[in-house]
Amino acid sequence: MYYHYTDINGLYSILLNKKLWLTDSRFLNDHTEGTEIFSYLEKAFEKLGVNGSDLKLTMKKFSDLSIGIDSYTTSFSTEADLLSQWRGYCPSSGGYCLGFKSLDRNQFEVLGDGTSLTQWLIDPQPCIYLEDKKIQLANIIANTLLEWLGGNESKDHLKYQFMMQFHNMKMLYKSSHFKEESEARVIVNVHNDQMAIPMFRTKSNLVVPYLNLIFQPRIIKEIIIGPSSKKELAKLGLQIFLKSLGPDFAHINIRHSSIPYRNI
């Protein structure tokens, strides 16, 4: 199961439109998203004997090769009814948690502004918190890149392998401080030469690019109502709303959080 915590406005929009937002990774709340991997790669290159001016040149080539692909993502937790998630992603008035029984890529369609980008969607991947795992994956990527750069013949398959490894992994490296969240991510890596145009929304004083992740209602198993002072009204309103959406939503179970937390 995968769980998505949100507020009432997010819940309403997700259910009504049967879609989630995949946000451009450069606009996520954590400004270090997608950058932690670079420090591990630099250490991996040094371990392979690349240092000094060669290291700078290799990192530049690395950076140049990574240009041209934009990553879009949305996050889930594998933990249901987690207090830190209620506090971190929902307002003090209360929140909701959608429980998805499947996030198989075959259950989704990804759309930009009228453009299908489903081919670039990968299955959900767990975020990487453990130091040993981060080092191991950085070593694999570094070896792949050096093998491709050091060849005298065309090795397009290695370039493609490197690009996919890097752009997937860079979105999965997370600080160990967030381990409790047990986060998993759905990622779409959009190649710029595909002329894909994203959708746009506003947040604070920013225009934020995003893609639509369209799903079938059958993959939602339950909705958990977070700690709230109006639990029964929240459940009643949600029951009536789901009924109005039709029989495709009739199977969804609604339950209250079991956490004795009064967030008022």
C-alpha atoms as a PDB file:
ATOM      1  CA  MET A   1       0.000   0.000   0.000  1.00  0.00           C
ATOM      2  CA  TYR A   2       1.043   3.559  -0.716  1.00  0.00           C
ATOM      3  CA  TYR A   3      -0.361   6.543   1.172  1.00  0.00           C
ATOM      4  CA  HIS A   4      -0.729  10.150   0.070  1.00  0.00           C
ATOM      5  CA  TYR A   5      -1.360  12.751   2.786  1.00  0.00           C
ATOM      6  CA  THR A   6      -3.150  15.952   1.827  1.00  0.00           C
ATOM      7  CA  ASP A   7      -5.565  18.647   2.974  1.00  0.00           C
ATOM      8  CA  ILE A   8      -9.270  18.880   2.143  1.00  0.00           C
ATOM      9  CA  ASN A   9      -8.669  20.911  -1.019  1.00  0.00           C
ATOM     10  CA  GLY A  10      -6.137  18.391  -2.280  1.00  0.00           C
ATOM     11  CA  LEU A  11      -8.451  15.476  -1.489  1.00  0.00           C
ATOM     12  CA  TYR A  12     -11.387  17.119  -3.244  1.00  0.00           C
ATOM     13  CA  SER A  13      -9.372  17.854  -6.389  1.00  0.00           C
ATOM     14  CA  ILE A  14      -7.737  14.403  -6.527  1.00  0.00           C
ATOM     15  CA  LEU A  15     -11.050  12.552  -6.247  1.00  0.00           C
ATOM     16  CA  LEU A  16     -13.078  14.844  -8.482  1.00  0.00           C
ATOM     17  CA  ASN A  17     -10.528  14.912 -11.300  1.00  0.00           C
ATOM     18  CA  LYS A  18      -9.034  11.433 -10.734  1.00  0.00           C
ATOM     19  CA  LYS A  19      -5.523  12.791 -10.958  1.00  0.00           C
ATOM     20  CA  LEU A  20      -2.467  13.687  -8.919  1.00  0.00           C
ATOM     21  CA  TRP A  21       0.140  16.333  -9.657  1.00  0.00           C
ATOM     22  CA  LEU A  22       3.679  15.461 -10.679  1.00  0.00           C
ATOM     23  CA  THR A  23       5.665  18.575  -9.751  1.00  0.00           C
ATOM     24  CA  ASP A  24       8.839  19.735 -11.481  1.00  0.00           C
ATOM     25  CA  SER A  25      11.549  18.637  -9.040  1.00  0.00           C
ATOM     26  CA  ARG A  26      13.180  22.072  -9.105  1.00  0.00           C
ATOM     27  CA  PHE A  27      10.078  23.500  -7.391  1.00  0.00           C
ATOM     28  CA  LEU A  28       9.782  21.054  -4.486  1.00  0.00           C
ATOM     29  CA  ASN A  29       9.788  22.428  -0.936  1.00  0.00           C
ATOM     30  CA  ASP A  30      13.209  20.967  -0.140  1.00  0.00           C
ATOM     31  CA  HIS A  31      15.724  23.049  -2.117  1.00  0.00           C
ATOM     32  CA  THR A  32      18.320  20.259  -1.826  1.00  0.00           C
ATOM     33  CA  GLU A  33      16.164  17.806  -3.816  1.00  0.00           C
ATOM     34  CA  GLY A  34      18.162  16.118  -6.555  1.00  0.00           C
ATOM     35  CA  THR A  35      21.532  17.510  -5.406  1.00  0.00           C
ATOM     36  CA  GLU A  36      22.690  15.181  -2.620  1.00  0.00           C
ATOM     37  CA  ILE A  37      23.755  12.557  -5.143  1.00  0.00           C
ATOM     38  CA  PHE A  38      26.512  14.800  -6.522  1.00  0.00           C
ATOM     39  CA  SER A  39      28.630  14.610  -3.363  1.00  0.00           C
ATOM     40  CA  TYR A  40      28.463  10.816  -3.462  1.00  0.00           C
ATOM     41  CA  LEU A  41      29.375  10.744  -7.142  1.00  0.00           C
ATOM     42  CA  GLU A  42      32.406  12.955  -6.571  1.00  0.00           C
ATOM     43  CA  LYS A  43      33.630  10.545  -3.906  1.00  0.00           C
ATOM     44  CA  ALA A  44      32.964   7.610  -6.231  1.00  0.00           C
ATOM     45  CA  PHE A  45      35.071   9.212  -8.991  1.00  0.00           C
ATOM     46  CA  GLU A  46      37.900   9.850  -6.532  1.00  0.00           C
ATOM     47  CA  LYS A  47      37.776   6.209  -5.442  1.00  0.00           C
ATOM     48  CA  LEU A  48      38.163   5.221  -9.096  1.00  0.00           C
ATOM     49  CA  GLY A  49      41.307   7.334  -9.368  1.00  0.00           C
ATOM     50  CA  VAL A  50      39.796  10.440 -10.913  1.00  0.00           C
ATOM     51  CA  ASN A  51      41.062  13.536  -9.093  1.00  0.00           C
ATOM     52  CA  GLY A  52      42.384  17.060  -9.545  1.00  0.00           C
ATOM     53  CA  SER A  53      41.690  18.651 -12.910  1.00  0.00           C
ATOM     54  CA  ASP A  54      40.441  15.318 -14.287  1.00  0.00           C
ATOM     55  CA  LEU A  55      37.802  15.210 -11.581  1.00  0.00           C
ATOM     56  CA  LYS A  56      36.615  18.726 -12.451  1.00  0.00           C
ATOM     57  CA  LEU A  57      36.482  17.805 -16.144  1.00  0.00           C
ATOM     58  CA  THR A  58      34.607  14.586 -15.413  1.00  0.00           C
ATOM     59  CA  MET A  59      32.087  16.369 -13.220  1.00  0.00           C
ATOM     60  CA  LYS A  60      31.566  18.977 -15.946  1.00  0.00           C
ATOM     61  CA  LYS A  61      30.942  16.248 -18.523  1.00  0.00           C
ATOM     62  CA  PHE A  62      28.628  14.638 -16.020  1.00  0.00           C
ATOM     63  CA  SER A  63      26.725  17.886 -15.578  1.00  0.00           C
ATOM     64  CA  ASP A  64      26.532  18.489 -19.329  1.00  0.00           C
ATOM     65  CA  LEU A  65      25.154  15.007 -19.959  1.00  0.00           C
ATOM     66  CA  SER A  66      22.484  15.447 -17.310  1.00  0.00           C
ATOM     67  CA  ILE A  67      21.113  18.571 -18.991  1.00  0.00           C
ATOM     68  CA  GLY A  68      18.108  18.008 -21.204  1.00  0.00           C
ATOM     69  CA  ILE A  69      15.937  15.909 -18.914  1.00  0.00           C
ATOM     70  CA  ASP A  70      13.428  17.411 -16.481  1.00  0.00           C
ATOM     71  CA  SER A  71      12.238  15.269 -13.571  1.00  0.00           C
ATOM     72  CA  TYR A  72       8.666  15.414 -12.290  1.00  0.00           C
ATOM     73  CA  THR A  73       7.548  13.573  -9.177  1.00  0.00           C
ATOM     74  CA  THR A  74       4.876  13.027  -6.567  1.00  0.00           C
ATOM     75  CA  SER A  75       5.408  11.439  -3.170  1.00  0.00           C
ATOM     76  CA  PHE A  76       3.776   8.689  -1.139  1.00  0.00           C
ATOM     77  CA  SER A  77       4.508   7.014   2.172  1.00  0.00           C
ATOM     78  CA  THR A  78       4.403   3.298   2.821  1.00  0.00           C
ATOM     79  CA  GLU A  79       3.220   4.128   6.350  1.00  0.00           C
ATOM     80  CA  ALA A  80      -0.456   4.719   7.105  1.00  0.00           C
ATOM     81  CA  ASP A  81      -1.690   6.996   9.877  1.00  0.00           C
ATOM     82  CA  LEU A  82       1.738   8.402  10.761  1.00  0.00           C
ATOM     83  CA  LEU A  83       1.729  11.326  13.185  1.00  0.00           C
ATOM     84  CA  SER A  84       4.702  13.098  11.583  1.00  0.00           C
ATOM     85  CA  GLN A  85       2.906  12.988   8.219  1.00  0.00           C
ATOM     86  CA  TRP A  86      -0.278  14.462   9.641  1.00  0.00           C
ATOM     87  CA  ARG A  87       1.748  17.239  11.229  1.00  0.00           C
ATOM     88  CA  GLY A  88       3.989  17.866   8.238  1.00  0.00           C
ATOM     89  CA  TYR A  89       1.592  17.703   5.306  1.00  0.00           C
ATOM     90  CA  CYS A  90      -1.830  18.581   6.704  1.00  0.00           C
ATOM     91  CA  PRO A  91      -3.194  21.778   8.282  1.00  0.00           C
ATOM     92  CA  SER A  92      -4.090  22.108  11.944  1.00  0.00           C
ATOM     93  CA  SER A  93      -7.791  21.811  11.055  1.00  0.00           C
ATOM     94  CA  GLY A  94      -7.213  18.236   9.885  1.00  0.00           C
ATOM     95  CA  GLY A  95      -6.149  16.253   6.832  1.00  0.00           C
ATOM     96  CA  TYR A  96      -6.794  13.126   4.828  1.00  0.00           C
ATOM     97  CA  CYS A  97      -4.720  10.178   3.671  1.00  0.00           C
ATOM     98  CA  LEU A  98      -5.544   8.280   0.483  1.00  0.00           C
ATOM     99  CA  GLY A  99      -4.464   4.643   0.511  1.00  0.00           C
ATOM    100  CA  PHE A 100      -3.555   3.272  -2.930  1.00  0.00           C
ATOM    101  CA  LYS A 101      -3.396  -0.519  -3.198  1.00  0.00           C
ATOM    102  CA  SER A 102      -1.339  -0.294  -6.384  1.00  0.00           C
ATOM    103  CA  LEU A 103       0.872   2.228  -8.159  1.00  0.00           C
ATOM    104  CA  ASP A 104       1.727   0.023 -11.126  1.00  0.00           C
ATOM    105  CA  ARG A 105       2.670   2.177 -14.120  1.00  0.00           C
ATOM    106  CA  ASN A 106       0.029   0.391 -16.200  1.00  0.00           C
ATOM    107  CA  GLN A 107      -2.646   1.939 -13.974  1.00  0.00           C
ATOM    108  CA  PHE A 108      -1.715   5.511 -14.938  1.00  0.00           C
ATOM    109  CA  GLU A 109      -1.566   7.960 -17.782  1.00  0.00           C
ATOM    110  CA  VAL A 110       0.715  11.000 -17.690  1.00  0.00           C
ATOM    111  CA  LEU A 111      -0.353  14.141 -19.519  1.00  0.00           C
ATOM    112  CA  GLY A 112       1.233  17.510 -20.080  1.00  0.00           C
ATOM    113  CA  ASP A 113      -0.581  20.203 -21.998  1.00  0.00           C
ATOM    114  CA  GLY A 114      -2.367  17.795 -24.324  1.00  0.00           C
ATOM    115  CA  THR A 115       0.713  15.580 -24.670  1.00  0.00           C
ATOM    116  CA  SER A 116       0.966  11.979 -23.461  1.00  0.00           C
ATOM    117  CA  LEU A 117       4.198  11.357 -21.543  1.00  0.00           C
ATOM    118  CA  THR A 118       3.288   7.952 -20.136  1.00  0.00           C
ATOM    119  CA  GLN A 119       6.281   6.310 -21.831  1.00  0.00           C
ATOM    120  CA  TRP A 120       8.623   8.092 -19.397  1.00  0.00           C
ATOM    121  CA  LEU A 121       6.793   6.926 -16.269  1.00  0.00           C
ATOM    122  CA  ILE A 122       8.541   4.398 -14.019  1.00  0.00           C
ATOM    123  CA  ASP A 123       7.104   2.250 -11.235  1.00  0.00           C
ATOM    124  CA  PRO A 124       7.226   3.756  -7.732  1.00  0.00           C
ATOM    125  CA  GLN A 125      10.657   3.635  -6.140  1.00  0.00           C
ATOM    126  CA  PRO A 126      11.496   3.821  -2.414  1.00  0.00           C
ATOM    127  CA  CYS A 127      13.656   6.735  -1.340  1.00  0.00           C
ATOM    128  CA  ILE A 128      17.203   5.863  -0.294  1.00  0.00           C
ATOM    129  CA  TYR A 129      18.170   6.795   3.255  1.00  0.00           C
ATOM    130  CA  LEU A 130      20.982   4.373   4.131  1.00  0.00           C
ATOM    131  CA  GLU A 131      24.565   5.523   3.653  1.00  0.00           C
ATOM    132  CA  ASP A 132      25.856   2.178   2.341  1.00  0.00           C
ATOM    133  CA  LYS A 133      23.143   2.027  -0.313  1.00  0.00           C
ATOM    134  CA  LYS A 134      23.858   5.592  -1.457  1.00  0.00           C
ATOM    135  CA  ILE A 135      27.563   4.797  -1.842  1.00  0.00           C
ATOM    136  CA  GLN A 136      26.846   1.568  -3.717  1.00  0.00           C
ATOM    137  CA  LEU A 137      24.548   3.212  -6.252  1.00  0.00           C
ATOM    138  CA  ALA A 138      26.904   6.163  -6.766  1.00  0.00           C
ATOM    139  CA  ASN A 139      29.701   3.711  -7.563  1.00  0.00           C
ATOM    140  CA  ILE A 140      27.550   1.973 -10.172  1.00  0.00           C
ATOM    141  CA  ILE A 141      26.644   5.257 -11.873  1.00  0.00           C
ATOM    142  CA  ALA A 142      30.240   6.505 -11.817  1.00  0.00           C
ATOM    143  CA  ASN A 143      31.532   3.272 -13.361  1.00  0.00           C
ATOM    144  CA  THR A 144      28.886   3.397 -16.083  1.00  0.00           C
ATOM    145  CA  LEU A 145      29.722   6.996 -16.980  1.00  0.00           C
ATOM    146  CA  LEU A 146      33.485   6.411 -17.089  1.00  0.00           C
ATOM    147  CA  GLU A 147      33.004   3.335 -19.248  1.00  0.00           C
ATOM    148  CA  TRP A 148      30.977   5.351 -21.716  1.00  0.00           C
ATOM    149  CA  LEU A 149      33.290   8.374 -21.704  1.00  0.00           C
ATOM    150  CA  GLY A 150      36.409   6.204 -22.067  1.00  0.00           C
ATOM    151  CA  GLY A 151      35.238   4.282 -25.117  1.00  0.00           C
ATOM    152  CA  ASN A 152      36.479   5.033 -28.603  1.00  0.00           C
ATOM    153  CA  GLU A 153      33.392   3.610 -30.228  1.00  0.00           C
ATOM    154  CA  SER A 154      29.781   4.617 -30.003  1.00  0.00           C
ATOM    155  CA  LYS A 155      28.181   3.318 -26.820  1.00  0.00           C
ATOM    156  CA  ASP A 156      24.770   4.886 -26.963  1.00  0.00           C
ATOM    157  CA  HIS A 157      23.309   2.094 -24.835  1.00  0.00           C
ATOM    158  CA  LEU A 158      25.693   3.047 -22.005  1.00  0.00           C
ATOM    159  CA  LYS A 159      24.798   6.704 -22.322  1.00  0.00           C
ATOM    160  CA  TYR A 160      21.105   5.848 -22.095  1.00  0.00           C
ATOM    161  CA  GLN A 161      21.789   3.540 -19.136  1.00  0.00           C
ATOM    162  CA  PHE A 162      23.694   6.290 -17.359  1.00  0.00           C
ATOM    163  CA  MET A 163      21.021   8.904 -17.994  1.00  0.00           C
ATOM    164  CA  MET A 164      18.225   6.724 -16.662  1.00  0.00           C
ATOM    165  CA  GLN A 165      20.214   5.569 -13.633  1.00  0.00           C
ATOM    166  CA  PHE A 166      21.210   9.086 -12.700  1.00  0.00           C
ATOM    167  CA  HIS A 167      17.900  10.844 -13.198  1.00  0.00           C
ATOM    168  CA  ASN A 168      15.998   8.185 -11.288  1.00  0.00           C
ATOM    169  CA  MET A 169      18.508   7.988  -8.456  1.00  0.00           C
ATOM    170  CA  LYS A 170      18.956  11.724  -7.975  1.00  0.00           C
ATOM    171  CA  MET A 171      15.284  11.983  -7.015  1.00  0.00           C
ATOM    172  CA  LEU A 172      15.537   9.111  -4.537  1.00  0.00           C
ATOM    173  CA  TYR A 173      18.518  10.207  -2.419  1.00  0.00           C
ATOM    174  CA  LYS A 174      17.066  11.533   0.853  1.00  0.00           C
ATOM    175  CA  SER A 175      18.605  12.587   4.143  1.00  0.00           C
ATOM    176  CA  SER A 176      18.456   9.904   6.839  1.00  0.00           C
ATOM    177  CA  HIS A 177      16.625  12.451   9.016  1.00  0.00           C
ATOM    178  CA  PHE A 178      13.499  11.766   6.923  1.00  0.00           C
ATOM    179  CA  LYS A 179      13.708   7.979   7.201  1.00  0.00           C
ATOM    180  CA  GLU A 180      10.555   7.761   9.332  1.00  0.00           C
ATOM    181  CA  GLU A 181       8.476   8.967   6.381  1.00  0.00           C
ATOM    182  CA  SER A 182       9.262   5.770   4.403  1.00  0.00           C
ATOM    183  CA  GLU A 183       8.769   7.772   1.241  1.00  0.00           C
ATOM    184  CA  ALA A 184       8.264   6.307  -2.212  1.00  0.00           C
ATOM    185  CA  ARG A 185       8.120   8.359  -5.387  1.00  0.00           C
ATOM    186  CA  VAL A 186       6.528   8.145  -8.788  1.00  0.00           C
ATOM    187  CA  ILE A 187       8.917   9.777 -11.243  1.00  0.00           C
ATOM    188  CA  VAL A 188       8.645  10.915 -14.842  1.00  0.00           C
ATOM    189  CA  ASN A 189      11.862  11.963 -16.595  1.00  0.00           C
ATOM    190  CA  VAL A 190      10.892  14.097 -19.571  1.00  0.00           C
ATOM    191  CA  HIS A 191      13.392  14.435 -22.405  1.00  0.00           C
ATOM    192  CA  ASN A 192      13.352  18.020 -23.635  1.00  0.00           C
ATOM    193  CA  ASP A 193      13.683  16.978 -27.267  1.00  0.00           C
ATOM    194  CA  GLN A 194      10.182  15.513 -26.976  1.00  0.00           C
ATOM    195  CA  MET A 195       8.827  19.088 -26.998  1.00  0.00           C
ATOM    196  CA  ALA A 196       6.663  18.261 -23.985  1.00  0.00           C
ATOM    197  CA  ILE A 197       4.775  21.222 -22.561  1.00  0.00           C
ATOM    198  CA  PRO A 198       3.811  20.952 -18.866  1.00  0.00           C
ATOM    199  CA  MET A 199       0.776  22.349 -17.144  1.00  0.00           C
ATOM    200  CA  PHE A 200       1.167  25.301 -14.765  1.00  0.00           C
ATOM    201  CA  ARG A 201      -0.186  26.330 -11.378  1.00  0.00           C
ATOM    202  CA  THR A 202       0.644  29.104  -8.958  1.00  0.00           C
ATOM    203  CA  LYS A 203       2.161  28.695  -5.503  1.00  0.00           C
ATOM    204  CA  SER A 204       3.022  31.687  -3.340  1.00  0.00           C
ATOM    205  CA  ASN A 205       4.601  34.050  -5.865  1.00  0.00           C
ATOM    206  CA  LEU A 206       5.777  31.305  -8.267  1.00  0.00           C
ATOM    207  CA  VAL A 207       4.501  29.734 -11.463  1.00  0.00           C
ATOM    208  CA  VAL A 208       5.073  25.990 -10.970  1.00  0.00           C
ATOM    209  CA  PRO A 209       5.269  23.460 -13.859  1.00  0.00           C
ATOM    210  CA  TYR A 210       3.546  20.136 -13.309  1.00  0.00           C
ATOM    211  CA  LEU A 211       2.147  17.096 -15.129  1.00  0.00           C
ATOM    212  CA  ASN A 212      -1.138  15.294 -14.553  1.00  0.00           C
ATOM    213  CA  LEU A 213      -0.939  11.725 -13.242  1.00  0.00           C
ATOM    214  CA  ILE A 214      -4.337  10.280 -14.153  1.00  0.00           C
ATOM    215  CA  PHE A 215      -5.507   7.139 -12.336  1.00  0.00           C
ATOM    216  CA  GLN A 216      -8.435   4.752 -12.191  1.00  0.00           C
ATOM    217  CA  PRO A 217     -10.518   4.982  -8.973  1.00  0.00           C
ATOM    218  CA  ARG A 218     -10.230   1.210  -8.456  1.00  0.00           C
ATOM    219  CA  ILE A 219      -6.647   1.600  -7.201  1.00  0.00           C
ATOM    220  CA  ILE A 220      -7.807   3.581  -4.136  1.00  0.00           C
ATOM    221  CA  LYS A 221      -8.538   1.182  -1.273  1.00  0.00           C
ATOM    222  CA  GLU A 222      -9.217   3.534   1.618  1.00  0.00           C
ATOM    223  CA  ILE A 223      -9.259   7.091   2.888  1.00  0.00           C
ATOM    224  CA  ILE A 224      -8.102   7.831   6.422  1.00  0.00           C
ATOM    225  CA  ILE A 225      -9.473  10.929   8.125  1.00  0.00           C
ATOM    226  CA  GLY A 226      -6.745  12.557  10.182  1.00  0.00           C
ATOM    227  CA  PRO A 227      -6.980  13.868  13.746  1.00  0.00           C
ATOM    228  CA  SER A 228      -9.751  16.468  13.796  1.00  0.00           C
ATOM    229  CA  SER A 229     -12.266  18.067  16.108  1.00  0.00           C
ATOM    230  CA  LYS A 230     -15.051  17.302  13.584  1.00  0.00           C
ATOM    231  CA  LYS A 231     -14.351  13.661  12.777  1.00  0.00           C
ATOM    232  CA  GLU A 232     -17.929  12.501  12.255  1.00  0.00           C
ATOM    233  CA  LEU A 233     -18.890  15.445  10.050  1.00  0.00           C
ATOM    234  CA  ALA A 234     -15.725  14.871   8.015  1.00  0.00           C
ATOM    235  CA  LYS A 235     -16.722  11.239   7.483  1.00  0.00           C
ATOM    236  CA  LEU A 236     -20.330  12.081   6.603  1.00  0.00           C
ATOM    237  CA  GLY A 237     -19.336  14.722   4.080  1.00  0.00           C
ATOM    238  CA  LEU A 238     -16.813  12.382   2.467  1.00  0.00           C
ATOM    239  CA  GLN A 239     -19.358   9.545   2.248  1.00  0.00           C
ATOM    240  CA  ILE A 240     -21.862  11.792   0.473  1.00  0.00           C
ATOM    241  CA  PHE A 241     -19.169  13.153  -1.848  1.00  0.00           C
ATOM    242  CA  LEU A 242     -17.939   9.679  -2.852  1.00  0.00           C
ATOM    243  CA  LYS A 243     -21.516   8.574  -3.539  1.00  0.00           C
ATOM    244  CA  SER A 244     -22.002  11.574  -5.818  1.00  0.00           C
ATOM    245  CA  LEU A 245     -18.937  10.544  -7.851  1.00  0.00           C
ATOM    246  CA  GLY A 246     -20.616   7.301  -8.891  1.00  0.00           C
ATOM    247  CA  PRO A 247     -20.191   3.541  -8.528  1.00  0.00           C
ATOM    248  CA  ASP A 248     -16.462   3.611  -9.360  1.00  0.00           C
ATOM    249  CA  PHE A 249     -15.864   5.039  -5.875  1.00  0.00           C
ATOM    250  CA  ALA A 250     -18.309   2.840  -3.930  1.00  0.00           C
ATOM    251  CA  HIS A 251     -15.634   0.338  -2.853  1.00  0.00           C
ATOM    252  CA  ILE A 252     -13.485   2.874  -0.953  1.00  0.00           C
ATOM    253  CA  ASN A 253     -13.351   2.326   2.799  1.00  0.00           C
ATOM    254  CA  ILE A 254     -13.366   5.367   5.080  1.00  0.00           C
ATOM    255  CA  ARG A 255     -11.844   5.213   8.545  1.00  0.00           C
ATOM    256  CA  HIS A 256     -10.588   7.548  11.237  1.00  0.00           C
ATOM    257  CA  SER A 257      -7.018   7.938  12.399  1.00  0.00           C
ATOM    258  CA  SER A 258      -6.306   5.914  15.532  1.00  0.00           C
ATOM    259  CA  ILE A 259      -3.891   8.545  16.862  1.00  0.00           C
ATOM    260  CA  PRO A 260      -5.176  10.315  20.015  1.00  0.00           C
ATOM    261  CA  TYR A 261      -3.880  13.675  18.905  1.00  0.00           C
ATOM    262  CA  ARG A 262      -5.914  16.853  19.312  1.00  0.00           C
ATOM    263  CA  ASN A 263      -4.608  19.321  16.692  1.00  0.00           C
ATOM    264  CA  ILE A 264      -6.741  22.324  17.643  1.00  0.00           C
END
